[in-house]
Amino acid sequence: VELINPVADTVANANYRGADVEWYIKADDIVLKNKGSQPAGNPQNHAPQGQQKK
């Protein structure tokens, strides 16, 4: 996957033992990148193509 315009940020909250820090990443969009020459979608589609002859 590819993140479009990713932004990493933190939120820190002080407590009696120090601080709790939470990391998060947000992005405008997530794009699935093809691996090799496989088409996007379900490459393991075993549905029959057309009608079978008897």
N, C-alpha and C. Protein backbone atom coordinates (compact mmCIF):
# COMPACT_ATOMS: atom_id res chain seq x y z
N VAL A 1 0.84 -1.18 0.00
CA VAL A 1 0.00 0.00 0.00
C VAL A 1 0.88 1.23 0.00
N GLU A 2 0.32 2.31 -0.45
CA GLU A 2 1.01 3.60 -0.45
C GLU A 2 0.13 4.61 0.27
N LEU A 3 0.72 5.36 1.21
CA LEU A 3 0.00 6.40 1.92
C LEU A 3 0.17 7.71 1.18
N ILE A 4 -0.92 8.41 0.93
CA ILE A 4 -0.88 9.70 0.25
C ILE A 4 -0.91 10.79 1.31
N ASN A 5 0.10 11.64 1.30
CA ASN A 5 0.27 12.74 2.27
C ASN A 5 0.20 12.25 3.72
N PRO A 6 1.09 11.32 4.11
CA PRO A 6 1.05 10.83 5.49
C PRO A 6 1.57 11.86 6.48
N VAL A 7 0.99 11.86 7.68
CA VAL A 7 1.42 12.74 8.76
C VAL A 7 1.52 11.90 10.02
N ALA A 8 2.71 11.84 10.62
CA ALA A 8 2.90 11.14 11.90
C ALA A 8 2.86 12.18 13.00
N ASP A 9 2.16 11.86 14.09
CA ASP A 9 2.02 12.82 15.18
C ASP A 9 1.93 12.07 16.49
N THR A 10 2.02 12.79 17.59
CA THR A 10 1.92 12.20 18.91
C THR A 10 0.94 12.98 19.77
N VAL A 11 0.41 12.28 20.77
CA VAL A 11 -0.40 12.92 21.79
C VAL A 11 0.20 12.49 23.12
N ALA A 12 0.58 13.43 23.96
CA ALA A 12 1.20 13.12 25.25
C ALA A 12 0.31 13.61 26.37
N ASN A 13 0.16 12.77 27.39
CA ASN A 13 -0.61 13.12 28.58
C ASN A 13 0.24 12.87 29.81
N ALA A 14 0.37 13.89 30.65
CA ALA A 14 1.15 13.74 31.88
C ALA A 14 0.34 12.97 32.91
N ASN A 15 1.04 12.09 33.64
CA ASN A 15 0.41 11.39 34.76
C ASN A 15 1.40 11.33 35.92
N TYR A 16 1.05 10.65 36.98
CA TYR A 16 1.90 10.66 38.18
C TYR A 16 3.19 9.85 37.98
N ARG A 17 3.27 9.01 36.96
CA ARG A 17 4.49 8.24 36.70
C ARG A 17 5.33 8.84 35.58
N GLY A 18 4.92 9.93 35.01
CA GLY A 18 5.65 10.54 33.91
C GLY A 18 4.68 11.01 32.84
N ALA A 19 4.71 10.34 31.70
CA ALA A 19 3.80 10.72 30.62
C ALA A 19 3.44 9.50 29.78
N ASP A 20 2.24 9.51 29.26
CA ASP A 20 1.81 8.51 28.28
C ASP A 20 1.85 9.17 26.91
N VAL A 21 2.49 8.51 25.97
CA VAL A 21 2.60 9.05 24.62
C VAL A 21 1.96 8.07 23.65
N GLU A 22 1.07 8.57 22.82
CA GLU A 22 0.42 7.76 21.80
C GLU A 22 0.83 8.29 20.43
N TRP A 23 1.28 7.39 19.58
CA TRP A 23 1.67 7.73 18.22
C TRP A 23 0.53 7.40 17.27
N TYR A 24 0.35 8.20 16.26
CA TYR A 24 -0.62 7.87 15.22
C TYR A 24 -0.16 8.41 13.88
N ILE A 25 -0.64 7.77 12.84
CA ILE A 25 -0.35 8.19 11.46
C ILE A 25 -1.68 8.40 10.76
N LYS A 26 -1.83 9.53 10.11
CA LYS A 26 -3.02 9.76 9.30
C LYS A 26 -2.57 10.11 7.89
N ALA A 27 -3.45 9.85 6.93
CA ALA A 27 -3.13 10.12 5.53
C ALA A 27 -4.40 10.54 4.81
N ASP A 28 -4.21 11.26 3.70
CA ASP A 28 -5.36 11.67 2.88
C ASP A 28 -6.01 10.48 2.20
N ASP A 29 -5.19 9.48 1.84
CA ASP A 29 -5.73 8.32 1.14
C ASP A 29 -4.75 7.16 1.27
N ILE A 30 -5.26 5.94 1.06
CA ILE A 30 -4.44 4.73 1.03
C ILE A 30 -4.67 4.09 -0.33
N VAL A 31 -3.58 3.83 -1.06
CA VAL A 31 -3.68 3.27 -2.40
C VAL A 31 -3.02 1.90 -2.40
N LEU A 32 -3.74 0.89 -2.92
CA LEU A 32 -3.19 -0.45 -3.06
C LEU A 32 -2.30 -0.48 -4.29
N LYS A 33 -1.04 -0.89 -4.09
CA LYS A 33 -0.11 -0.99 -5.21
C LYS A 33 -0.05 -2.44 -5.65
N ASN A 34 -0.04 -2.66 -6.97
CA ASN A 34 0.03 -4.01 -7.52
C ASN A 34 1.43 -4.58 -7.33
N LYS A 35 1.47 -5.88 -7.03
CA LYS A 35 2.74 -6.58 -6.90
C LYS A 35 2.97 -7.33 -8.21
N GLY A 36 4.02 -6.99 -8.92
CA GLY A 36 4.29 -7.62 -10.20
C GLY A 36 3.28 -7.17 -11.24
N SER A 37 2.79 -8.14 -12.03
CA SER A 37 1.84 -7.79 -13.08
C SER A 37 0.43 -8.27 -12.77
N GLN A 38 0.16 -8.63 -11.51
CA GLN A 38 -1.18 -9.08 -11.16
C GLN A 38 -2.15 -7.90 -11.19
N PRO A 39 -3.33 -8.10 -11.74
CA PRO A 39 -4.32 -7.01 -11.73
C PRO A 39 -4.86 -6.78 -10.33
N ALA A 40 -5.31 -5.60 -10.07
CA ALA A 40 -5.92 -5.29 -8.77
C ALA A 40 -7.22 -6.07 -8.64
N GLY A 41 -7.62 -6.31 -7.43
CA GLY A 41 -8.85 -7.06 -7.19
C GLY A 41 -8.52 -8.43 -6.64
N ASN A 42 -9.36 -9.40 -6.92
CA ASN A 42 -9.19 -10.75 -6.41
C ASN A 42 -8.54 -11.63 -7.48
N PRO A 43 -7.23 -11.90 -7.39
CA PRO A 43 -6.58 -12.69 -8.42
C PRO A 43 -6.93 -14.18 -8.34
N GLN A 44 -7.59 -14.63 -7.27
CA GLN A 44 -7.93 -16.03 -7.10
C GLN A 44 -9.42 -16.27 -7.36
N ASN A 45 -9.97 -15.60 -8.35
CA ASN A 45 -11.37 -15.74 -8.69
C ASN A 45 -11.55 -17.03 -9.48
N HIS A 46 -12.19 -18.04 -8.87
CA HIS A 46 -12.36 -19.33 -9.52
C HIS A 46 -13.76 -19.49 -10.11
N ALA A 47 -14.48 -18.42 -10.31
CA ALA A 47 -15.82 -18.49 -10.90
C ALA A 47 -15.69 -18.93 -12.35
N PRO A 48 -16.56 -19.83 -12.80
CA PRO A 48 -16.49 -20.28 -14.20
C PRO A 48 -16.78 -19.13 -15.16
N GLN A 49 -16.06 -19.14 -16.26
CA GLN A 49 -16.24 -18.11 -17.28
C GLN A 49 -17.10 -18.69 -18.40
N GLY A 50 -18.28 -18.15 -18.58
CA GLY A 50 -19.17 -18.64 -19.63
C GLY A 50 -19.90 -19.90 -19.18
N GLN A 51 -20.56 -20.56 -20.14
CA GLN A 51 -21.32 -21.77 -19.83
C GLN A 51 -20.51 -23.01 -20.18
N GLN A 52 -20.66 -24.06 -19.39
CA GLN A 52 -19.97 -25.30 -19.66
C GLN A 52 -20.81 -26.16 -20.60
N LYS A 53 -20.14 -26.86 -21.53
CA LYS A 53 -20.84 -27.76 -22.46
C LYS A 53 -21.00 -29.12 -21.80
N LYS A 54 -22.13 -29.80 -22.11
CA LYS A 54 -22.38 -31.14 -21.56
C LYS A 54 -22.22 -32.18 -22.63
